[in-house]
Amino acid sequence: MTAFTNPPPSITFKVAAASFGLLTVILLIKCVSSYLSSRYRQAAKSSFTVRARGLDQDRRRRGRWDGSEASAVSGHASSAASPSQVGDRKVAMLKSGCLSLY
């Protein structure tokens, strides 16, 4: 039987192996980051925050929907309730039992 010696791999093979390994790691990182960023964008699109307007913004943005112009034109008093009146109505409704809290 003839015994063959196992020569060490050449420098070209070592450089190629290192290059392919580095390329594989870079592509893996890029794919994972792309996946995570797409999930983040999807979550950002599907979620939003609803904030109530403050009293100051409400006063500054008086528009055609609050009835102030219509009542001024027709000579009638405004039917818009103040925030304290609305709060009083809510308390009265809760006390009377018409509304229930879950």
PDB file of N, CA and C in Angstrom:
ATOM      1  N   MET A   1       0.822  -1.168   0.000  1.00  0.00           N
ATOM      2  CA  MET A   1       0.000   0.000   0.000  1.00  0.00           C
ATOM      3  C   MET A   1       0.867   1.231   0.000  1.00  0.00           C
ATOM      4  N   THR A   2       0.356   2.181  -0.753  1.00  0.00           N
ATOM      5  CA  THR A   2       1.106   3.419  -0.835  1.00  0.00           C
ATOM      6  C   THR A   2       0.458   4.431   0.095  1.00  0.00           C
ATOM      7  N   ALA A   3       1.227   5.064   0.879  1.00  0.00           N
ATOM      8  CA  ALA A   3       0.731   6.103   1.779  1.00  0.00           C
ATOM      9  C   ALA A   3       0.939   7.462   1.130  1.00  0.00           C
ATOM     10  N   PHE A   4      -0.153   8.200   0.999  1.00  0.00           N
ATOM     11  CA  PHE A   4      -0.036   9.542   0.441  1.00  0.00           C
ATOM     12  C   PHE A   4       0.101  10.540   1.565  1.00  0.00           C
ATOM     13  N   THR A   5       0.934  11.499   1.373  1.00  0.00           N
ATOM     14  CA  THR A   5       1.068  12.566   2.370  1.00  0.00           C
ATOM     15  C   THR A   5      -0.043  13.578   2.138  1.00  0.00           C
ATOM     16  N   ASN A   6      -0.542  14.124   3.187  1.00  0.00           N
ATOM     17  CA  ASN A   6      -1.617  15.104   3.125  1.00  0.00           C
ATOM     18  C   ASN A   6      -0.984  16.494   3.158  1.00  0.00           C
ATOM     19  N   PRO A   7      -0.813  17.122   1.997  1.00  0.00           N
ATOM     20  CA  PRO A   7      -0.168  18.429   1.997  1.00  0.00           C
ATOM     21  C   PRO A   7      -1.095  19.485   2.587  1.00  0.00           C
ATOM     22  N   PRO A   8      -0.553  20.512   3.214  1.00  0.00           N
ATOM     23  CA  PRO A   8      -1.393  21.593   3.750  1.00  0.00           C
ATOM     24  C   PRO A   8      -2.046  22.354   2.596  1.00  0.00           C
ATOM     25  N   PRO A   9      -3.226  22.945   2.832  1.00  0.00           N
ATOM     26  CA  PRO A   9      -3.892  23.687   1.763  1.00  0.00           C
ATOM     27  C   PRO A   9      -3.062  24.904   1.359  1.00  0.00           C
ATOM     28  N   SER A  10      -3.198  25.281   0.118  1.00  0.00           N
ATOM     29  CA  SER A  10      -2.423  26.414  -0.377  1.00  0.00           C
ATOM     30  C   SER A  10      -2.980  27.730   0.167  1.00  0.00           C
ATOM     31  N   ILE A  11      -2.222  28.790   0.029  1.00  0.00           N
ATOM     32  CA  ILE A  11      -2.623  30.107   0.513  1.00  0.00           C
ATOM     33  C   ILE A  11      -3.857  30.598  -0.232  1.00  0.00           C
ATOM     34  N   THR A  12      -4.012  30.242  -1.490  1.00  0.00           N
ATOM     35  CA  THR A  12      -5.181  30.656  -2.271  1.00  0.00           C
ATOM     36  C   THR A  12      -6.462  30.060  -1.688  1.00  0.00           C
ATOM     37  N   PHE A  13      -6.396  28.789  -1.295  1.00  0.00           N
ATOM     38  CA  PHE A  13      -7.562  28.151  -0.685  1.00  0.00           C
ATOM     39  C   PHE A  13      -7.918  28.825   0.636  1.00  0.00           C
ATOM     40  N   LYS A  14      -6.925  29.164   1.438  1.00  0.00           N
ATOM     41  CA  LYS A  14      -7.175  29.812   2.729  1.00  0.00           C
ATOM     42  C   LYS A  14      -7.804  31.190   2.544  1.00  0.00           C
ATOM     43  N   VAL A  15      -7.316  31.955   1.560  1.00  0.00           N
ATOM     44  CA  VAL A  15      -7.873  33.292   1.300  1.00  0.00           C
ATOM     45  C   VAL A  15      -9.316  33.165   0.797  1.00  0.00           C
ATOM     46  N   ALA A  16      -9.567  32.207  -0.091  1.00  0.00           N
ATOM     47  CA  ALA A  16     -10.913  32.016  -0.612  1.00  0.00           C
ATOM     48  C   ALA A  16     -11.881  31.589   0.494  1.00  0.00           C
ATOM     49  N   ALA A  17     -11.459  30.696   1.367  1.00  0.00           N
ATOM     50  CA  ALA A  17     -12.309  30.236   2.463  1.00  0.00           C
ATOM     51  C   ALA A  17     -12.632  31.384   3.419  1.00  0.00           C
ATOM     52  N   ALA A  18     -11.623  32.186   3.741  1.00  0.00           N
ATOM     53  CA  ALA A  18     -11.850  33.333   4.623  1.00  0.00           C
ATOM     54  C   ALA A  18     -12.785  34.345   3.966  1.00  0.00           C
ATOM     55  N   SER A  19     -12.629  34.578   2.664  1.00  0.00           N
ATOM     56  CA  SER A  19     -13.486  35.531   1.942  1.00  0.00           C
ATOM     57  C   SER A  19     -14.936  35.061   1.921  1.00  0.00           C
ATOM     58  N   PHE A  20     -15.157  33.799   1.631  1.00  0.00           N
ATOM     59  CA  PHE A  20     -16.522  33.281   1.614  1.00  0.00           C
ATOM     60  C   PHE A  20     -17.138  33.293   3.008  1.00  0.00           C
ATOM     61  N   GLY A  21     -16.358  33.010   4.010  1.00  0.00           N
ATOM     62  CA  GLY A  21     -16.869  33.069   5.384  1.00  0.00           C
ATOM     63  C   GLY A  21     -17.276  34.476   5.763  1.00  0.00           C
ATOM     64  N   LEU A  22     -16.436  35.463   5.424  1.00  0.00           N
ATOM     65  CA  LEU A  22     -16.745  36.857   5.725  1.00  0.00           C
ATOM     66  C   LEU A  22     -17.981  37.317   4.957  1.00  0.00           C
ATOM     67  N   LEU A  23     -18.072  36.926   3.678  1.00  0.00           N
ATOM     68  CA  LEU A  23     -19.234  37.275   2.865  1.00  0.00           C
ATOM     69  C   LEU A  23     -20.518  36.670   3.444  1.00  0.00           C
ATOM     70  N   THR A  24     -20.446  35.461   3.925  1.00  0.00           N
ATOM     71  CA  THR A  24     -21.603  34.804   4.526  1.00  0.00           C
ATOM     72  C   THR A  24     -22.081  35.537   5.768  1.00  0.00           C
ATOM     73  N   VAL A  25     -21.148  35.946   6.619  1.00  0.00           N
ATOM     74  CA  VAL A  25     -21.511  36.670   7.839  1.00  0.00           C
ATOM     75  C   VAL A  25     -22.128  38.016   7.492  1.00  0.00           C
ATOM     76  N   ILE A  26     -21.566  38.719   6.528  1.00  0.00           N
ATOM     77  CA  ILE A  26     -22.100  40.024   6.129  1.00  0.00           C
ATOM     78  C   ILE A  26     -23.519  39.883   5.582  1.00  0.00           C
ATOM     79  N   LEU A  27     -23.741  38.884   4.722  1.00  0.00           N
ATOM     80  CA  LEU A  27     -25.074  38.678   4.172  1.00  0.00           C
ATOM     81  C   LEU A  27     -26.089  38.276   5.247  1.00  0.00           C
ATOM     82  N   LEU A  28     -25.669  37.488   6.199  1.00  0.00           N
ATOM     83  CA  LEU A  28     -26.556  37.094   7.284  1.00  0.00           C
ATOM     84  C   LEU A  28     -26.967  38.312   8.110  1.00  0.00           C
ATOM     85  N   ILE A  29     -26.003  39.153   8.446  1.00  0.00           N
ATOM     86  CA  ILE A  29     -26.300  40.365   9.221  1.00  0.00           C
ATOM     87  C   ILE A  29     -27.227  41.285   8.432  1.00  0.00           C
ATOM     88  N   LYS A  30     -26.957  41.438   7.138  1.00  0.00           N
ATOM     89  CA  LYS A  30     -27.793  42.303   6.299  1.00  0.00           C
ATOM     90  C   LYS A  30     -29.226  41.772   6.224  1.00  0.00           C
ATOM     91  N   CYS A  31     -29.402  40.484   6.070  1.00  0.00           N
ATOM     92  CA  CYS A  31     -30.745  39.902   5.997  1.00  0.00           C
ATOM     93  C   CYS A  31     -31.504  40.072   7.310  1.00  0.00           C
ATOM     94  N   VAL A  32     -30.830  39.843   8.415  1.00  0.00           N
ATOM     95  CA  VAL A  32     -31.480  39.993   9.714  1.00  0.00           C
ATOM     96  C   VAL A  32     -31.861  41.448   9.960  1.00  0.00           C
ATOM     97  N   SER A  33     -30.968  42.377   9.629  1.00  0.00           N
ATOM     98  CA  SER A  33     -31.288  43.794   9.850  1.00  0.00           C
ATOM     99  C   SER A  33     -32.411  44.250   8.924  1.00  0.00           C
ATOM    100  N   SER A  34     -32.451  43.758   7.706  1.00  0.00           N
ATOM    101  CA  SER A  34     -33.537  44.099   6.783  1.00  0.00           C
ATOM    102  C   SER A  34     -34.878  43.575   7.304  1.00  0.00           C
ATOM    103  N   TYR A  35     -34.879  42.357   7.794  1.00  0.00           N
ATOM    104  CA  TYR A  35     -36.091  41.768   8.352  1.00  0.00           C
ATOM    105  C   TYR A  35     -36.583  42.574   9.551  1.00  0.00           C
ATOM    106  N   LEU A  36     -35.678  42.921  10.450  1.00  0.00           N
ATOM    107  CA  LEU A  36     -36.080  43.666  11.645  1.00  0.00           C
ATOM    108  C   LEU A  36     -36.572  45.066  11.294  1.00  0.00           C
ATOM    109  N   SER A  37     -35.913  45.730  10.346  1.00  0.00           N
ATOM    110  CA  SER A  37     -36.357  47.077   9.982  1.00  0.00           C
ATOM    111  C   SER A  37     -37.709  47.049   9.277  1.00  0.00           C
ATOM    112  N   SER A  38     -37.972  46.023   8.482  1.00  0.00           N
ATOM    113  CA  SER A  38     -39.290  45.933   7.843  1.00  0.00           C
ATOM    114  C   SER A  38     -40.376  45.679   8.878  1.00  0.00           C
ATOM    115  N   ARG A  39     -40.076  44.868   9.878  1.00  0.00           N
ATOM    116  CA  ARG A  39     -41.044  44.636  10.956  1.00  0.00           C
ATOM    117  C   ARG A  39     -41.296  45.913  11.744  1.00  0.00           C
ATOM    118  N   TYR A  40     -40.235  46.691  11.973  1.00  0.00           N
ATOM    119  CA  TYR A  40     -40.377  47.958  12.696  1.00  0.00           C
ATOM    120  C   TYR A  40     -41.246  48.931  11.896  1.00  0.00           C
ATOM    121  N   ARG A  41     -41.013  49.039  10.585  1.00  0.00           N
ATOM    122  CA  ARG A  41     -41.825  49.931   9.760  1.00  0.00           C
ATOM    123  C   ARG A  41     -43.280  49.486   9.741  1.00  0.00           C
ATOM    124  N   GLN A  42     -43.502  48.181   9.677  1.00  0.00           N
ATOM    125  CA  GLN A  42     -44.862  47.658   9.681  1.00  0.00           C
ATOM    126  C   GLN A  42     -45.558  47.977  11.000  1.00  0.00           C
ATOM    127  N   ALA A  43     -44.845  47.838  12.096  1.00  0.00           N
ATOM    128  CA  ALA A  43     -45.425  48.145  13.404  1.00  0.00           C
ATOM    129  C   ALA A  43     -45.693  49.639  13.543  1.00  0.00           C
ATOM    130  N   ALA A  44     -44.803  50.460  13.004  1.00  0.00           N
ATOM    131  CA  ALA A  44     -44.995  51.902  13.078  1.00  0.00           C
ATOM    132  C   ALA A  44     -46.204  52.339  12.257  1.00  0.00           C
ATOM    133  N   LYS A  45     -46.457  51.671  11.148  1.00  0.00           N
ATOM    134  CA  LYS A  45     -47.620  52.017  10.332  1.00  0.00           C
ATOM    135  C   LYS A  45     -48.923  51.604  11.007  1.00  0.00           C
ATOM    136  N   SER A  46     -48.902  50.482  11.686  1.00  0.00           N
ATOM    137  CA  SER A  46     -50.143  49.956  12.238  1.00  0.00           C
ATOM    138  C   SER A  46     -50.475  50.529  13.612  1.00  0.00           C
ATOM    139  N   SER A  47     -49.553  51.214  14.235  1.00  0.00           N
ATOM    140  CA  SER A  47     -49.850  51.784  15.548  1.00  0.00           C
ATOM    141  C   SER A  47     -49.767  53.298  15.475  1.00  0.00           C
ATOM    142  N   PHE A  48     -50.642  53.947  16.192  1.00  0.00           N
ATOM    143  CA  PHE A  48     -50.634  55.390  16.255  1.00  0.00           C
ATOM    144  C   PHE A  48     -51.202  55.802  17.599  1.00  0.00           C
ATOM    145  N   THR A  49     -51.008  57.047  17.945  1.00  0.00           N
ATOM    146  CA  THR A  49     -51.460  57.557  19.226  1.00  0.00           C
ATOM    147  C   THR A  49     -52.532  58.606  18.990  1.00  0.00           C
ATOM    148  N   VAL A  50     -53.613  58.493  19.700  1.00  0.00           N
ATOM    149  CA  VAL A  50     -54.686  59.482  19.612  1.00  0.00           C
ATOM    150  C   VAL A  50     -54.612  60.333  20.867  1.00  0.00           C
ATOM    151  N   ARG A  51     -54.453  61.626  20.650  1.00  0.00           N
ATOM    152  CA  ARG A  51     -54.411  62.547  21.788  1.00  0.00           C
ATOM    153  C   ARG A  51     -55.555  63.534  21.659  1.00  0.00           C
ATOM    154  N   ALA A  52     -56.189  63.845  22.760  1.00  0.00           N
ATOM    155  CA  ALA A  52     -57.275  64.807  22.761  1.00  0.00           C
ATOM    156  C   ALA A  52     -56.715  66.214  22.608  1.00  0.00           C
ATOM    157  N   ARG A  53     -57.488  67.046  21.947  1.00  0.00           N
ATOM    158  CA  ARG A  53     -57.079  68.439  21.827  1.00  0.00           C
ATOM    159  C   ARG A  53     -57.270  69.123  23.157  1.00  0.00           C
ATOM    160  N   GLY A  54     -56.382  70.037  23.457  1.00  0.00           N
ATOM    161  CA  GLY A  54     -56.509  70.807  24.677  1.00  0.00           C
ATOM    162  C   GLY A  54     -57.547  71.896  24.521  1.00  0.00           C
ATOM    163  N   LEU A  55     -57.904  72.541  25.595  1.00  0.00           N
ATOM    164  CA  LEU A  55     -58.892  73.611  25.564  1.00  0.00           C
ATOM    165  C   LEU A  55     -58.397  74.793  24.740  1.00  0.00           C
ATOM    166  N   ASP A  56     -57.102  75.082  24.816  1.00  0.00           N
ATOM    167  CA  ASP A  56     -56.546  76.197  24.053  1.00  0.00           C
ATOM    168  C   ASP A  56     -56.645  75.937  22.563  1.00  0.00           C
ATOM    169  N   GLN A  57     -56.336  74.728  22.131  1.00  0.00           N
ATOM    170  CA  GLN A  57     -56.434  74.396  20.715  1.00  0.00           C
ATOM    171  C   GLN A  57     -57.890  74.446  20.260  1.00  0.00           C
ATOM    172  N   ASP A  58     -58.798  74.058  21.118  1.00  0.00           N
ATOM    173  CA  ASP A  58     -60.209  74.074  20.769  1.00  0.00           C
ATOM    174  C   ASP A  58     -60.680  75.504  20.525  1.00  0.00           C
ATOM    175  N   ARG A  59     -60.241  76.417  21.357  1.00  0.00           N
ATOM    176  CA  ARG A  59     -60.650  77.818  21.209  1.00  0.00           C
ATOM    177  C   ARG A  59     -60.048  78.452  19.969  1.00  0.00           C
ATOM    178  N   ARG A  60     -58.802  78.074  19.650  1.00  0.00           N
ATOM    179  CA  ARG A  60     -58.144  78.641  18.473  1.00  0.00           C
ATOM    180  C   ARG A  60     -58.724  78.093  17.183  1.00  0.00           C
ATOM    181  N   ARG A  61     -59.239  76.888  17.197  1.00  0.00           N
ATOM    182  CA  ARG A  61     -59.703  76.237  15.983  1.00  0.00           C
ATOM    183  C   ARG A  61     -61.223  76.271  15.850  1.00  0.00           C
ATOM    184  N   ARG A  62     -61.844  77.300  16.235  1.00  0.00           N
ATOM    185  CA  ARG A  62     -63.289  77.383  16.080  1.00  0.00           C
ATOM    186  C   ARG A  62     -63.599  77.376  14.601  1.00  0.00           C
ATOM    187  N   GLY A  63     -64.373  76.439  14.169  1.00  0.00           N
ATOM    188  CA  GLY A  63     -64.663  76.297  12.752  1.00  0.00           C
ATOM    189  C   GLY A  63     -66.139  76.277  12.486  1.00  0.00           C
ATOM    190  N   ARG A  64     -66.473  75.822  11.310  1.00  0.00           N
ATOM    191  CA  ARG A  64     -67.868  75.818  10.924  1.00  0.00           C
ATOM    192  C   ARG A  64     -68.647  74.704  11.595  1.00  0.00           C
ATOM    193  N   TRP A  65     -67.976  73.751  12.224  1.00  0.00           N
ATOM    194  CA  TRP A  65     -68.682  72.609  12.797  1.00  0.00           C
ATOM    195  C   TRP A  65     -69.145  72.846  14.228  1.00  0.00           C
ATOM    196  N   ASP A  66     -68.673  73.908  14.878  1.00  0.00           N
ATOM    197  CA  ASP A  66     -69.081  74.105  16.264  1.00  0.00           C
ATOM    198  C   ASP A  66     -70.390  74.870  16.385  1.00  0.00           C
ATOM    199  N   GLY A  67     -70.931  75.390  15.283  1.00  0.00           N
ATOM    200  CA  GLY A  67     -72.227  76.052  15.316  1.00  0.00           C
ATOM    201  C   GLY A  67     -72.161  77.504  15.692  1.00  0.00           C
ATOM    202  N   SER A  68     -70.978  78.057  15.918  1.00  0.00           N
ATOM    203  CA  SER A  68     -70.895  79.447  16.359  1.00  0.00           C
ATOM    204  C   SER A  68     -71.288  80.407  15.256  1.00  0.00           C
ATOM    205  N   GLU A  69     -70.863  80.128  13.992  1.00  0.00           N
ATOM    206  CA  GLU A  69     -71.224  81.023  12.905  1.00  0.00           C
ATOM    207  C   GLU A  69     -72.712  80.899  12.577  1.00  0.00           C
ATOM    208  N   ALA A  70     -73.220  79.678  12.585  1.00  0.00           N
ATOM    209  CA  ALA A  70     -74.619  79.467  12.243  1.00  0.00           C
ATOM    210  C   ALA A  70     -75.537  80.143  13.255  1.00  0.00           C
ATOM    211  N   SER A  71     -75.193  80.052  14.534  1.00  0.00           N
ATOM    212  CA  SER A  71     -76.041  80.667  15.541  1.00  0.00           C
ATOM    213  C   SER A  71     -75.923  82.185  15.512  1.00  0.00           C
ATOM    214  N   ALA A  72     -74.736  82.675  15.164  1.00  0.00           N
ATOM    215  CA  ALA A  72     -74.569  84.127  15.091  1.00  0.00           C
ATOM    216  C   ALA A  72     -75.354  84.691  13.916  1.00  0.00           C
ATOM    217  N   VAL A  73     -75.409  83.957  12.821  1.00  0.00           N
ATOM    218  CA  VAL A  73     -76.129  84.423  11.640  1.00  0.00           C
ATOM    219  C   VAL A  73     -77.625  84.391  11.888  1.00  0.00           C
ATOM    220  N   SER A  74     -78.111  83.332  12.491  1.00  0.00           N
ATOM    221  CA  SER A  74     -79.554  83.199  12.680  1.00  0.00           C
ATOM    222  C   SER A  74     -80.056  83.938  13.908  1.00  0.00           C
ATOM    223  N   GLY A  75     -79.145  84.441  14.755  1.00  0.00           N
ATOM    224  CA  GLY A  75     -79.555  85.189  15.930  1.00  0.00           C
ATOM    225  C   GLY A  75     -79.862  84.328  17.128  1.00  0.00           C
ATOM    226  N   HIS A  76     -79.598  83.052  17.081  1.00  0.00           N
ATOM    227  CA  HIS A  76     -79.850  82.148  18.201  1.00  0.00           C
ATOM    228  C   HIS A  76     -78.615  82.039  19.086  1.00  0.00           C
ATOM    229  N   ALA A  77     -78.827  81.654  20.308  1.00  0.00           N
ATOM    230  CA  ALA A  77     -77.719  81.431  21.226  1.00  0.00           C
ATOM    231  C   ALA A  77     -77.032  80.127  20.854  1.00  0.00           C
ATOM    232  N   SER A  78     -75.761  80.045  21.148  1.00  0.00           N
ATOM    233  CA  SER A  78     -74.993  78.844  20.826  1.00  0.00           C
ATOM    234  C   SER A  78     -75.446  77.691  21.698  1.00  0.00           C
ATOM    235  N   SER A  79     -75.578  76.517  21.084  1.00  0.00           N
ATOM    236  CA  SER A  79     -76.017  75.349  21.838  1.00  0.00           C
ATOM    237  C   SER A  79     -74.836  74.508  22.321  1.00  0.00           C
ATOM    238  N   ALA A  80     -73.614  74.967  22.051  1.00  0.00           N
ATOM    239  CA  ALA A  80     -72.438  74.217  22.477  1.00  0.00           C
ATOM    240  C   ALA A  80     -72.290  74.329  23.987  1.00  0.00           C
ATOM    241  N   ALA A  81     -72.094  73.201  24.642  1.00  0.00           N
ATOM    242  CA  ALA A  81     -71.963  73.178  26.092  1.00  0.00           C
ATOM    243  C   ALA A  81     -70.513  73.420  26.489  1.00  0.00           C
ATOM    244  N   SER A  82     -70.338  74.077  27.616  1.00  0.00           N
ATOM    245  CA  SER A  82     -68.982  74.286  28.119  1.00  0.00           C
ATOM    246  C   SER A  82     -68.465  72.974  28.696  1.00  0.00           C
ATOM    247  N   PRO A  83     -67.143  72.860  28.856  1.00  0.00           N
ATOM    248  CA  PRO A  83     -66.596  71.602  29.410  1.00  0.00           C
ATOM    249  C   PRO A  83     -67.126  71.273  30.802  1.00  0.00           C
ATOM    250  N   SER A  84     -67.392  72.309  31.608  1.00  0.00           N
ATOM    251  CA  SER A  84     -67.913  72.022  32.947  1.00  0.00           C
ATOM    252  C   SER A  84     -69.337  71.478  32.876  1.00  0.00           C
ATOM    253  N   GLN A  85     -70.134  71.979  31.917  1.00  0.00           N
ATOM    254  CA  GLN A  85     -71.491  71.466  31.755  1.00  0.00           C
ATOM    255  C   GLN A  85     -71.476  70.015  31.290  1.00  0.00           C
ATOM    256  N   VAL A  86     -70.546  69.695  30.402  1.00  0.00           N
ATOM    257  CA  VAL A  86     -70.427  68.326  29.911  1.00  0.00           C
ATOM    258  C   VAL A  86     -70.043  67.400  31.057  1.00  0.00           C
ATOM    259  N   GLY A  87     -69.091  67.847  31.870  1.00  0.00           N
ATOM    260  CA  GLY A  87     -68.676  67.044  33.018  1.00  0.00           C
ATOM    261  C   GLY A  87     -69.814  66.833  33.997  1.00  0.00           C
ATOM    262  N   ASP A  88     -70.605  67.896  34.222  1.00  0.00           N
ATOM    263  CA  ASP A  88     -71.746  67.777  35.126  1.00  0.00           C
ATOM    264  C   ASP A  88     -72.777  66.795  34.582  1.00  0.00           C
ATOM    265  N   ARG A  89     -72.997  66.819  33.271  1.00  0.00           N
ATOM    266  CA  ARG A  89     -73.953  65.886  32.670  1.00  0.00           C
ATOM    267  C   ARG A  89     -73.484  64.447  32.823  1.00  0.00           C
ATOM    268  N   LYS A  90     -72.178  64.217  32.646  1.00  0.00           N
ATOM    269  CA  LYS A  90     -71.651  62.866  32.782  1.00  0.00           C
ATOM    270  C   LYS A  90     -71.832  62.343  34.199  1.00  0.00           C
ATOM    271  N   VAL A  91     -71.555  63.208  35.169  1.00  0.00           N
ATOM    272  CA  VAL A  91     -71.712  62.809  36.573  1.00  0.00           C
ATOM    273  C   VAL A  91     -73.171  62.504  36.867  1.00  0.00           C
ATOM    274  N   ALA A  92     -74.076  63.353  36.350  1.00  0.00           N
ATOM    275  CA  ALA A  92     -75.500  63.138  36.592  1.00  0.00           C
ATOM    276  C   ALA A  92     -75.971  61.828  35.959  1.00  0.00           C
ATOM    277  N   MET A  93     -75.486  61.525  34.759  1.00  0.00           N
ATOM    278  CA  MET A  93     -75.879  60.285  34.097  1.00  0.00           C
ATOM    279  C   MET A  93     -75.362  59.066  34.858  1.00  0.00           C
ATOM    280  N   LEU A  94     -74.136  59.158  35.378  1.00  0.00           N
ATOM    281  CA  LEU A  94     -73.588  58.036  36.139  1.00  0.00           C
ATOM    282  C   LEU A  94     -74.367  57.820  37.433  1.00  0.00           C
ATOM    283  N   LYS A  95     -74.736  58.941  38.086  1.00  0.00           N
ATOM    284  CA  LYS A  95     -75.480  58.824  39.344  1.00  0.00           C
ATOM    285  C   LYS A  95     -76.885  58.267  39.115  1.00  0.00           C
ATOM    286  N   SER A  96     -77.470  58.618  37.986  1.00  0.00           N
ATOM    287  CA  SER A  96     -78.837  58.157  37.734  1.00  0.00           C
ATOM    288  C   SER A  96     -78.858  56.684  37.303  1.00  0.00           C
ATOM    289  N   GLY A  97     -77.713  56.140  36.937  1.00  0.00           N
ATOM    290  CA  GLY A  97     -77.666  54.732  36.593  1.00  0.00           C
ATOM    291  C   GLY A  97     -77.903  54.464  35.122  1.00  0.00           C
ATOM    292  N   CYS A  98     -77.983  55.508  34.312  1.00  0.00           N
ATOM    293  CA  CYS A  98     -78.193  55.302  32.868  1.00  0.00           C
ATOM    294  C   CYS A  98     -76.949  54.721  32.212  1.00  0.00           C
ATOM    295  N   LEU A  99     -75.817  55.095  32.704  1.00  0.00           N
ATOM    296  CA  LEU A  99     -74.563  54.574  32.178  1.00  0.00           C
ATOM    297  C   LEU A  99     -73.901  53.721  33.238  1.00  0.00           C
ATOM    298  N   SER A 100     -73.239  52.708  32.829  1.00  0.00           N
ATOM    299  CA  SER A 100     -72.531  51.872  33.801  1.00  0.00           C
ATOM    300  C   SER A 100     -71.077  51.784  33.403  1.00  0.00           C
ATOM    301  N   LEU A 101     -70.219  51.659  34.374  1.00  0.00           N
ATOM    302  CA  LEU A 101     -68.782  51.529  34.134  1.00  0.00           C
ATOM    303  C   LEU A 101     -68.440  50.058  34.111  1.00  0.00           C
ATOM    304  N   TYR A 102     -67.649  49.662  33.164  1.00  0.00           N
ATOM    305  CA  TYR A 102     -67.244  48.270  33.050  1.00  0.00           C
ATOM    306  C   TYR A 102     -65.886  48.092  33.631  1.00  0.00           C
TER     307      TYR A 102
END
